[in-house]
Amino acid sequence: MKIRPLNNLVQVRRDPPTDVTKGGIVIPDSAKDKLTKGTVVAAGRGKMSAHGHFIETTLKVGSRIVFGKYSGSEVESRGDEDLIFMSEDDVLGVIEEE
């Protein structure tokens, strides 16, 4: 199923959690935290402001972003892959370099 976000919503693929820490400790599945980084998979066109002006979405497909831990709503849309729908306002920042 393919879903297109509306207005200023974006669809995000969350980065997979790491299995091993930098120190070499293996993390079991039950202890893994969901990461707050991801990649924009789809983006809406934008929204109307209170003054009637159209505001385009600043995020583009492929943008790497950071978002809040409890931001958005998870939706299963491609088999076993859970994607997150969130407002552009819930995005904390764009990752420019890693």
PDB file of N, CA and C in Angstrom:
ATOM      1  N   MET A   1       0.837  -1.165   0.000  1.00  0.00           N
ATOM      2  CA  MET A   1       0.000   0.000   0.000  1.00  0.00           C
ATOM      3  C   MET A   1       0.889   1.238   0.000  1.00  0.00           C
ATOM      4  N   LYS A   2       0.575   2.171  -0.856  1.00  0.00           N
ATOM      5  CA  LYS A   2       1.335   3.413  -0.924  1.00  0.00           C
ATOM      6  C   LYS A   2       0.455   4.528  -0.369  1.00  0.00           C
ATOM      7  N   ILE A   3       1.003   5.306   0.561  1.00  0.00           N
ATOM      8  CA  ILE A   3       0.264   6.383   1.208  1.00  0.00           C
ATOM      9  C   ILE A   3       1.001   7.691   0.965  1.00  0.00           C
ATOM     10  N   ARG A   4       0.268   8.710   0.526  1.00  0.00           N
ATOM     11  CA  ARG A   4       0.849  10.036   0.295  1.00  0.00           C
ATOM     12  C   ARG A   4       0.449  10.953   1.445  1.00  0.00           C
ATOM     13  N   PRO A   5       1.409  11.553   2.136  1.00  0.00           N
ATOM     14  CA  PRO A   5       1.082  12.465   3.229  1.00  0.00           C
ATOM     15  C   PRO A   5       0.379  13.728   2.714  1.00  0.00           C
ATOM     16  N   LEU A   6      -0.520  14.266   3.510  1.00  0.00           N
ATOM     17  CA  LEU A   6      -1.240  15.484   3.165  1.00  0.00           C
ATOM     18  C   LEU A   6      -0.656  16.681   3.904  1.00  0.00           C
ATOM     19  N   ASN A   7      -0.972  17.855   3.414  1.00  0.00           N
ATOM     20  CA  ASN A   7      -0.604  19.124   4.044  1.00  0.00           C
ATOM     21  C   ASN A   7       0.867  19.168   4.424  1.00  0.00           C
ATOM     22  N   ASN A   8       1.166  19.434   5.690  1.00  0.00           N
ATOM     23  CA  ASN A   8       2.566  19.553   6.109  1.00  0.00           C
ATOM     24  C   ASN A   8       3.041  18.297   6.839  1.00  0.00           C
ATOM     25  N   LEU A   9       2.432  17.144   6.542  1.00  0.00           N
ATOM     26  CA  LEU A   9       2.877  15.888   7.139  1.00  0.00           C
ATOM     27  C   LEU A   9       4.015  15.285   6.333  1.00  0.00           C
ATOM     28  N   VAL A  10       4.887  14.555   7.021  1.00  0.00           N
ATOM     29  CA  VAL A  10       5.965  13.824   6.359  1.00  0.00           C
ATOM     30  C   VAL A  10       5.907  12.369   6.801  1.00  0.00           C
ATOM     31  N   GLN A  11       6.362  11.488   5.934  1.00  0.00           N
ATOM     32  CA  GLN A  11       6.438  10.061   6.231  1.00  0.00           C
ATOM     33  C   GLN A  11       7.913   9.742   6.426  1.00  0.00           C
ATOM     34  N   VAL A  12       8.248   9.116   7.573  1.00  0.00           N
ATOM     35  CA  VAL A  12       9.648   8.918   7.953  1.00  0.00           C
ATOM     36  C   VAL A  12       9.929   7.441   8.189  1.00  0.00           C
ATOM     37  N   ARG A  13      11.077   6.978   7.705  1.00  0.00           N
ATOM     38  CA  ARG A  13      11.571   5.638   8.012  1.00  0.00           C
ATOM     39  C   ARG A  13      12.595   5.797   9.121  1.00  0.00           C
ATOM     40  N   ARG A  14      12.281   5.225  10.290  1.00  0.00           N
ATOM     41  CA  ARG A  14      13.168   5.323  11.448  1.00  0.00           C
ATOM     42  C   ARG A  14      14.425   4.501  11.195  1.00  0.00           C
ATOM     43  N   ASP A  15      15.590   5.010  11.627  1.00  0.00           N
ATOM     44  CA  ASP A  15      16.848   4.273  11.521  1.00  0.00           C
ATOM     45  C   ASP A  15      16.771   3.013  12.380  1.00  0.00           C
ATOM     46  N   PRO A  16      17.356   1.913  11.929  1.00  0.00           N
ATOM     47  CA  PRO A  16      17.336   0.687  12.745  1.00  0.00           C
ATOM     48  C   PRO A  16      18.219   0.842  13.977  1.00  0.00           C
ATOM     49  N   PRO A  17      17.819   0.232  15.101  1.00  0.00           N
ATOM     50  CA  PRO A  17      18.651   0.326  16.309  1.00  0.00           C
ATOM     51  C   PRO A  17      19.950  -0.458  16.132  1.00  0.00           C
ATOM     52  N   THR A  18      20.979  -0.031  16.838  1.00  0.00           N
ATOM     53  CA  THR A  18      22.265  -0.718  16.750  1.00  0.00           C
ATOM     54  C   THR A  18      22.259  -1.938  17.667  1.00  0.00           C
ATOM     55  N   ASP A  19      22.975  -2.990  17.258  1.00  0.00           N
ATOM     56  CA  ASP A  19      23.034  -4.231  18.030  1.00  0.00           C
ATOM     57  C   ASP A  19      24.187  -4.248  19.025  1.00  0.00           C
ATOM     58  N   VAL A  20      25.208  -3.429  18.766  1.00  0.00           N
ATOM     59  CA  VAL A  20      26.410  -3.432  19.593  1.00  0.00           C
ATOM     60  C   VAL A  20      26.784  -1.978  19.917  1.00  0.00           C
ATOM     61  N   THR A  21      27.159  -1.723  21.174  1.00  0.00           N
ATOM     62  CA  THR A  21      27.590  -0.378  21.559  1.00  0.00           C
ATOM     63  C   THR A  21      28.996  -0.125  21.046  1.00  0.00           C
ATOM     64  N   LYS A  22      29.470   1.099  21.179  1.00  0.00           N
ATOM     65  CA  LYS A  22      30.831   1.434  20.755  1.00  0.00           C
ATOM     66  C   LYS A  22      31.866   0.641  21.540  1.00  0.00           C
ATOM     67  N   GLY A  23      31.533   0.274  22.781  1.00  0.00           N
ATOM     68  CA  GLY A  23      32.443  -0.494  23.625  1.00  0.00           C
ATOM     69  C   GLY A  23      32.407  -1.986  23.353  1.00  0.00           C
ATOM     70  N   GLY A  24      31.506  -2.451  22.458  1.00  0.00           N
ATOM     71  CA  GLY A  24      31.446  -3.861  22.093  1.00  0.00           C
ATOM     72  C   GLY A  24      30.413  -4.668  22.852  1.00  0.00           C
ATOM     73  N   ILE A  25      29.561  -4.016  23.653  1.00  0.00           N
ATOM     74  CA  ILE A  25      28.535  -4.736  24.410  1.00  0.00           C
ATOM     75  C   ILE A  25      27.342  -4.997  23.499  1.00  0.00           C
ATOM     76  N   VAL A  26      26.879  -6.240  23.455  1.00  0.00           N
ATOM     77  CA  VAL A  26      25.733  -6.623  22.633  1.00  0.00           C
ATOM     78  C   VAL A  26      24.447  -6.252  23.371  1.00  0.00           C
ATOM     79  N   ILE A  27      23.544  -5.560  22.664  1.00  0.00           N
ATOM     80  CA  ILE A  27      22.285  -5.114  23.255  1.00  0.00           C
ATOM     81  C   ILE A  27      21.177  -6.078  22.841  1.00  0.00           C
ATOM     82  N   PRO A  28      20.451  -6.681  23.809  1.00  0.00           N
ATOM     83  CA  PRO A  28      19.339  -7.567  23.452  1.00  0.00           C
ATOM     84  C   PRO A  28      18.162  -6.772  22.900  1.00  0.00           C
ATOM     85  N   ASP A  29      17.295  -7.435  22.117  1.00  0.00           N
ATOM     86  CA  ASP A  29      16.152  -6.767  21.498  1.00  0.00           C
ATOM     87  C   ASP A  29      15.252  -6.084  22.516  1.00  0.00           C
ATOM     88  N   SER A  30      15.083  -6.673  23.685  1.00  0.00           N
ATOM     89  CA  SER A  30      14.182  -6.112  24.691  1.00  0.00           C
ATOM     90  C   SER A  30      14.695  -4.804  25.287  1.00  0.00           C
ATOM     91  N   ALA A  31      15.977  -4.528  25.155  1.00  0.00           N
ATOM     92  CA  ALA A  31      16.562  -3.329  25.754  1.00  0.00           C
ATOM     93  C   ALA A  31      16.833  -2.217  24.747  1.00  0.00           C
ATOM     94  N   LYS A  32      16.550  -2.475  23.473  1.00  0.00           N
ATOM     95  CA  LYS A  32      16.841  -1.479  22.445  1.00  0.00           C
ATOM     96  C   LYS A  32      15.808  -0.360  22.490  1.00  0.00           C
ATOM     97  N   ASP A  33      16.292   0.873  22.463  1.00  0.00           N
ATOM     98  CA  ASP A  33      15.427   2.045  22.381  1.00  0.00           C
ATOM     99  C   ASP A  33      15.183   2.375  20.918  1.00  0.00           C
ATOM    100  N   LYS A  34      14.009   2.910  20.643  1.00  0.00           N
ATOM    101  CA  LYS A  34      13.736   3.375  19.296  1.00  0.00           C
ATOM    102  C   LYS A  34      14.515   4.670  19.089  1.00  0.00           C
ATOM    103  N   LEU A  35      15.212   4.737  17.971  1.00  0.00           N
ATOM    104  CA  LEU A  35      16.026   5.911  17.685  1.00  0.00           C
ATOM    105  C   LEU A  35      15.156   7.082  17.258  1.00  0.00           C
ATOM    106  N   THR A  36      15.670   8.259  17.428  1.00  0.00           N
ATOM    107  CA  THR A  36      14.944   9.465  17.059  1.00  0.00           C
ATOM    108  C   THR A  36      15.549  10.109  15.822  1.00  0.00           C
ATOM    109  N   LYS A  37      16.140   9.285  14.972  1.00  0.00           N
ATOM    110  CA  LYS A  37      16.675   9.744  13.690  1.00  0.00           C
ATOM    111  C   LYS A  37      16.001   8.946  12.590  1.00  0.00           C
ATOM    112  N   GLY A  38      15.857   9.557  11.431  1.00  0.00           N
ATOM    113  CA  GLY A  38      15.247   8.846  10.324  1.00  0.00           C
ATOM    114  C   GLY A  38      15.426   9.584   9.013  1.00  0.00           C
ATOM    115  N   THR A  39      14.832   9.001   7.972  1.00  0.00           N
ATOM    116  CA  THR A  39      14.908   9.541   6.628  1.00  0.00           C
ATOM    117  C   THR A  39      13.496   9.805   6.128  1.00  0.00           C
ATOM    118  N   VAL A  40      13.285  10.967   5.533  1.00  0.00           N
ATOM    119  CA  VAL A  40      11.978  11.314   4.982  1.00  0.00           C
ATOM    120  C   VAL A  40      11.748  10.480   3.726  1.00  0.00           C
ATOM    121  N   VAL A  41      10.637   9.732   3.714  1.00  0.00           N
ATOM    122  CA  VAL A  41      10.280   8.870   2.595  1.00  0.00           C
ATOM    123  C   VAL A  41       9.316   9.591   1.651  1.00  0.00           C
ATOM    124  N   ALA A  42       8.421  10.398   2.213  1.00  0.00           N
ATOM    125  CA  ALA A  42       7.455  11.174   1.428  1.00  0.00           C
ATOM    126  C   ALA A  42       7.086  12.420   2.219  1.00  0.00           C
ATOM    127  N   ALA A  43       6.690  13.466   1.506  1.00  0.00           N
ATOM    128  CA  ALA A  43       6.316  14.724   2.166  1.00  0.00           C
ATOM    129  C   ALA A  43       5.108  15.333   1.476  1.00  0.00           C
ATOM    130  N   GLY A  44       4.243  15.948   2.280  1.00  0.00           N
ATOM    131  CA  GLY A  44       3.094  16.667   1.743  1.00  0.00           C
ATOM    132  C   GLY A  44       3.541  17.972   1.096  1.00  0.00           C
ATOM    133  N   ARG A  45       2.594  18.670   0.450  1.00  0.00           N
ATOM    134  CA  ARG A  45       2.933  19.910  -0.264  1.00  0.00           C
ATOM    135  C   ARG A  45       3.113  21.096   0.660  1.00  0.00           C
ATOM    136  N   GLY A  46       2.354  21.168   1.743  1.00  0.00           N
ATOM    137  CA  GLY A  46       2.429  22.308   2.650  1.00  0.00           C
ATOM    138  C   GLY A  46       1.056  22.592   3.220  1.00  0.00           C
ATOM    139  N   LYS A  47       0.901  23.777   3.845  1.00  0.00           N
ATOM    140  CA  LYS A  47      -0.388  24.119   4.451  1.00  0.00           C
ATOM    141  C   LYS A  47      -0.658  25.612   4.308  1.00  0.00           C
ATOM    142  N   MET A  48      -1.894  25.981   4.554  1.00  0.00           N
ATOM    143  CA  MET A  48      -2.293  27.382   4.520  1.00  0.00           C
ATOM    144  C   MET A  48      -2.076  27.991   5.894  1.00  0.00           C
ATOM    145  N   SER A  49      -1.540  29.204   5.931  1.00  0.00           N
ATOM    146  CA  SER A  49      -1.348  29.905   7.199  1.00  0.00           C
ATOM    147  C   SER A  49      -2.681  30.512   7.638  1.00  0.00           C
ATOM    148  N   ALA A  50      -2.703  31.041   8.834  1.00  0.00           N
ATOM    149  CA  ALA A  50      -3.909  31.681   9.355  1.00  0.00           C
ATOM    150  C   ALA A  50      -4.282  32.916   8.538  1.00  0.00           C
ATOM    151  N   HIS A  51      -3.303  33.496   7.831  1.00  0.00           N
ATOM    152  CA  HIS A  51      -3.535  34.696   7.026  1.00  0.00           C
ATOM    153  C   HIS A  51      -3.847  34.370   5.569  1.00  0.00           C
ATOM    154  N   GLY A  52      -3.987  33.079   5.242  1.00  0.00           N
ATOM    155  CA  GLY A  52      -4.347  32.676   3.893  1.00  0.00           C
ATOM    156  C   GLY A  52      -3.190  32.525   2.930  1.00  0.00           C
ATOM    157  N   HIS A  53      -1.958  32.502   3.423  1.00  0.00           N
ATOM    158  CA  HIS A  53      -0.784  32.305   2.569  1.00  0.00           C
ATOM    159  C   HIS A  53      -0.386  30.838   2.597  1.00  0.00           C
ATOM    160  N   PHE A  54      -0.001  30.311   1.435  1.00  0.00           N
ATOM    161  CA  PHE A  54       0.439  28.919   1.359  1.00  0.00           C
ATOM    162  C   PHE A  54       1.890  28.820   1.809  1.00  0.00           C
ATOM    163  N   ILE A  55       2.169  27.902   2.744  1.00  0.00           N
ATOM    164  CA  ILE A  55       3.526  27.683   3.247  1.00  0.00           C
ATOM    165  C   ILE A  55       3.977  26.300   2.779  1.00  0.00           C
ATOM    166  N   GLU A  56       4.983  26.248   1.909  1.00  0.00           N
ATOM    167  CA  GLU A  56       5.481  24.967   1.389  1.00  0.00           C
ATOM    168  C   GLU A  56       6.227  24.199   2.469  1.00  0.00           C
ATOM    169  N   THR A  57       6.219  22.878   2.347  1.00  0.00           N
ATOM    170  CA  THR A  57       6.989  22.017   3.227  1.00  0.00           C
ATOM    171  C   THR A  57       8.469  22.202   2.914  1.00  0.00           C
ATOM    172  N   THR A  58       9.289  22.373   3.948  1.00  0.00           N
ATOM    173  CA  THR A  58      10.719  22.580   3.732  1.00  0.00           C
ATOM    174  C   THR A  58      11.481  21.265   3.628  1.00  0.00           C
ATOM    175  N   LEU A  59      10.910  20.173   4.121  1.00  0.00           N
ATOM    176  CA  LEU A  59      11.576  18.869   4.074  1.00  0.00           C
ATOM    177  C   LEU A  59      11.342  18.213   2.723  1.00  0.00           C
ATOM    178  N   LYS A  60      12.359  17.579   2.214  1.00  0.00           N
ATOM    179  CA  LYS A  60      12.287  16.888   0.927  1.00  0.00           C
ATOM    180  C   LYS A  60      12.560  15.400   1.130  1.00  0.00           C
ATOM    181  N   VAL A  61      12.150  14.588   0.188  1.00  0.00           N
ATOM    182  CA  VAL A  61      12.413  13.147   0.239  1.00  0.00           C
ATOM    183  C   VAL A  61      13.913  12.930   0.293  1.00  0.00           C
ATOM    184  N   GLY A  62      14.350  12.083   1.227  1.00  0.00           N
ATOM    185  CA  GLY A  62      15.776  11.792   1.393  1.00  0.00           C
ATOM    186  C   GLY A  62      16.432  12.601   2.497  1.00  0.00           C
ATOM    187  N   SER A  63      15.749  13.617   3.028  1.00  0.00           N
ATOM    188  CA  SER A  63      16.320  14.417   4.120  1.00  0.00           C
ATOM    189  C   SER A  63      16.490  13.550   5.357  1.00  0.00           C
ATOM    190  N   ARG A  64      17.640  13.664   6.020  1.00  0.00           N
ATOM    191  CA  ARG A  64      17.898  12.965   7.286  1.00  0.00           C
ATOM    192  C   ARG A  64      17.480  13.906   8.403  1.00  0.00           C
ATOM    193  N   ILE A  65      16.627  13.431   9.315  1.00  0.00           N
ATOM    194  CA  ILE A  65      16.072  14.307  10.340  1.00  0.00           C
ATOM    195  C   ILE A  65      16.204  13.729  11.739  1.00  0.00           C
ATOM    196  N   VAL A  66      16.032  14.596  12.721  1.00  0.00           N
ATOM    197  CA  VAL A  66      15.969  14.235  14.132  1.00  0.00           C
ATOM    198  C   VAL A  66      14.588  14.662  14.608  1.00  0.00           C
ATOM    199  N   PHE A  67      13.914  13.783  15.371  1.00  0.00           N
ATOM    200  CA  PHE A  67      12.573  14.094  15.849  1.00  0.00           C
ATOM    201  C   PHE A  67      12.423  13.645  17.291  1.00  0.00           C
ATOM    202  N   GLY A  68      11.366  14.091  17.957  1.00  0.00           N
ATOM    203  CA  GLY A  68      11.116  13.751  19.347  1.00  0.00           C
ATOM    204  C   GLY A  68      10.814  12.276  19.532  1.00  0.00           C
ATOM    205  N   LYS A  69      11.098  11.757  20.708  1.00  0.00           N
ATOM    206  CA  LYS A  69      10.933  10.336  20.996  1.00  0.00           C
ATOM    207  C   LYS A  69       9.502   9.861  20.802  1.00  0.00           C
ATOM    208  N   TYR A  70       8.534  10.698  21.147  1.00  0.00           N
ATOM    209  CA  TYR A  70       7.127  10.304  21.044  1.00  0.00           C
ATOM    210  C   TYR A  70       6.401  11.035  19.924  1.00  0.00           C
ATOM    211  N   SER A  71       7.121  11.504  18.931  1.00  0.00           N
ATOM    212  CA  SER A  71       6.517  12.245  17.818  1.00  0.00           C
ATOM    213  C   SER A  71       5.863  11.303  16.824  1.00  0.00           C
ATOM    214  N   GLY A  72       4.782  11.768  16.228  1.00  0.00           N
ATOM    215  CA  GLY A  72       4.151  11.065  15.123  1.00  0.00           C
ATOM    216  C   GLY A  72       3.364   9.837  15.507  1.00  0.00           C
ATOM    217  N   SER A  73       2.853   9.182  14.462  1.00  0.00           N
ATOM    218  CA  SER A  73       2.057   7.961  14.603  1.00  0.00           C
ATOM    219  C   SER A  73       2.629   6.901  13.680  1.00  0.00           C
ATOM    220  N   GLU A  74       2.886   5.708  14.224  1.00  0.00           N
ATOM    221  CA  GLU A  74       3.426   4.628  13.404  1.00  0.00           C
ATOM    222  C   GLU A  74       2.310   3.974  12.611  1.00  0.00           C
ATOM    223  N   VAL A  75       2.579   3.721  11.325  1.00  0.00           N
ATOM    224  CA  VAL A  75       1.617   3.091  10.440  1.00  0.00           C
ATOM    225  C   VAL A  75       2.349   2.006   9.660  1.00  0.00           C
ATOM    226  N   GLU A  76       1.800   0.791   9.640  1.00  0.00           N
ATOM    227  CA  GLU A  76       2.398  -0.284   8.851  1.00  0.00           C
ATOM    228  C   GLU A  76       1.890  -0.139   7.429  1.00  0.00           C
ATOM    229  N   SER A  77       2.789   0.157   6.503  1.00  0.00           N
ATOM    230  CA  SER A  77       2.344   0.403   5.133  1.00  0.00           C
ATOM    231  C   SER A  77       3.056  -0.448   4.086  1.00  0.00           C
ATOM    232  N   ARG A  78       4.184  -1.023   4.438  1.00  0.00           N
ATOM    233  CA  ARG A  78       4.931  -1.834   3.457  1.00  0.00           C
ATOM    234  C   ARG A  78       5.360  -3.146   4.095  1.00  0.00           C
ATOM    235  N   GLY A  79       4.438  -4.064   4.221  1.00  0.00           N
ATOM    236  CA  GLY A  79       4.772  -5.360   4.803  1.00  0.00           C
ATOM    237  C   GLY A  79       5.134  -5.241   6.254  1.00  0.00           C
ATOM    238  N   ASP A  80       6.389  -5.574   6.595  1.00  0.00           N
ATOM    239  CA  ASP A  80       6.822  -5.541   7.994  1.00  0.00           C
ATOM    240  C   ASP A  80       7.470  -4.213   8.381  1.00  0.00           C
ATOM    241  N   GLU A  81       7.524  -3.266   7.458  1.00  0.00           N
ATOM    242  CA  GLU A  81       8.176  -1.992   7.733  1.00  0.00           C
ATOM    243  C   GLU A  81       7.168  -0.999   8.314  1.00  0.00           C
ATOM    244  N   ASP A  82       7.447  -0.492   9.510  1.00  0.00           N
ATOM    245  CA  ASP A  82       6.599   0.515  10.127  1.00  0.00           C
ATOM    246  C   ASP A  82       7.155   1.891   9.814  1.00  0.00           C
ATOM    247  N   LEU A  83       6.322   2.732   9.213  1.00  0.00           N
ATOM    248  CA  LEU A  83       6.716   4.089   8.898  1.00  0.00           C
ATOM    249  C   LEU A  83       5.987   5.044   9.839  1.00  0.00           C
ATOM    250  N   ILE A  84       6.545   6.206  10.060  1.00  0.00           N
ATOM    251  CA  ILE A  84       5.981   7.181  10.982  1.00  0.00           C
ATOM    252  C   ILE A  84       5.448   8.365  10.190  1.00  0.00           C
ATOM    253  N   PHE A  85       4.217   8.767  10.490  1.00  0.00           N
ATOM    254  CA  PHE A  85       3.652   9.985   9.940  1.00  0.00           C
ATOM    255  C   PHE A  85       3.726  11.043  11.029  1.00  0.00           C
ATOM    256  N   MET A  86       4.301  12.188  10.705  1.00  0.00           N
ATOM    257  CA  MET A  86       4.387  13.260  11.695  1.00  0.00           C
ATOM    258  C   MET A  86       4.284  14.606  10.999  1.00  0.00           C
ATOM    259  N   SER A  87       3.886  15.585  11.771  1.00  0.00           N
ATOM    260  CA  SER A  87       3.820  16.953  11.280  1.00  0.00           C
ATOM    261  C   SER A  87       5.240  17.485  11.120  1.00  0.00           C
ATOM    262  N   GLU A  88       5.416  18.346  10.163  1.00  0.00           N
ATOM    263  CA  GLU A  88       6.725  18.964   9.977  1.00  0.00           C
ATOM    264  C   GLU A  88       7.120  19.745  11.237  1.00  0.00           C
ATOM    265  N   ASP A  89       6.145  20.192  11.996  1.00  0.00           N
ATOM    266  CA  ASP A  89       6.417  20.921  13.239  1.00  0.00           C
ATOM    267  C   ASP A  89       7.036  20.027  14.314  1.00  0.00           C
ATOM    268  N   ASP A  90       6.846  18.694  14.221  1.00  0.00           N
ATOM    269  CA  ASP A  90       7.415  17.761  15.192  1.00  0.00           C
ATOM    270  C   ASP A  90       8.886  17.464  14.926  1.00  0.00           C
ATOM    271  N   VAL A  91       9.388  17.847  13.758  1.00  0.00           N
ATOM    272  CA  VAL A  91      10.786  17.606  13.410  1.00  0.00           C
ATOM    273  C   VAL A  91      11.646  18.629  14.138  1.00  0.00           C
ATOM    274  N   LEU A  92      12.649  18.136  14.854  1.00  0.00           N
ATOM    275  CA  LEU A  92      13.520  19.021  15.629  1.00  0.00           C
ATOM    276  C   LEU A  92      14.620  19.639  14.786  1.00  0.00           C
ATOM    277  N   GLY A  93      15.097  18.899  13.784  1.00  0.00           N
ATOM    278  CA  GLY A  93      16.172  19.429  12.946  1.00  0.00           C
ATOM    279  C   GLY A  93      16.524  18.509  11.801  1.00  0.00           C
ATOM    280  N   VAL A  94      17.280  19.051  10.862  1.00  0.00           N
ATOM    281  CA  VAL A  94      17.764  18.297   9.705  1.00  0.00           C
ATOM    282  C   VAL A  94      19.237  18.001   9.925  1.00  0.00           C
ATOM    283  N   ILE A  95      19.638  16.753   9.708  1.00  0.00           N
ATOM    284  CA  ILE A  95      21.042  16.351   9.858  1.00  0.00           C
ATOM    285  C   ILE A  95      21.762  16.725   8.567  1.00  0.00           C
ATOM    286  N   GLU A  96      22.736  17.616   8.672  1.00  0.00           N
ATOM    287  CA  GLU A  96      23.469  18.065   7.486  1.00  0.00           C
ATOM    288  C   GLU A  96      24.733  17.256   7.254  1.00  0.00           C
ATOM    289  N   GLU A  97      25.400  16.827   8.337  1.00  0.00           N
ATOM    290  CA  GLU A  97      26.610  16.014   8.231  1.00  0.00           C
ATOM    291  C   GLU A  97      26.619  15.013   9.370  1.00  0.00           C
ATOM    292  N   GLU A  98      27.122  13.813   9.097  1.00  0.00           N
ATOM    293  CA  GLU A  98      27.266  12.803  10.165  1.00  0.00           C
ATOM    294  C   GLU A  98      28.691  12.373  10.268  1.00  0.00           C
TER     295      GLU A  98
END
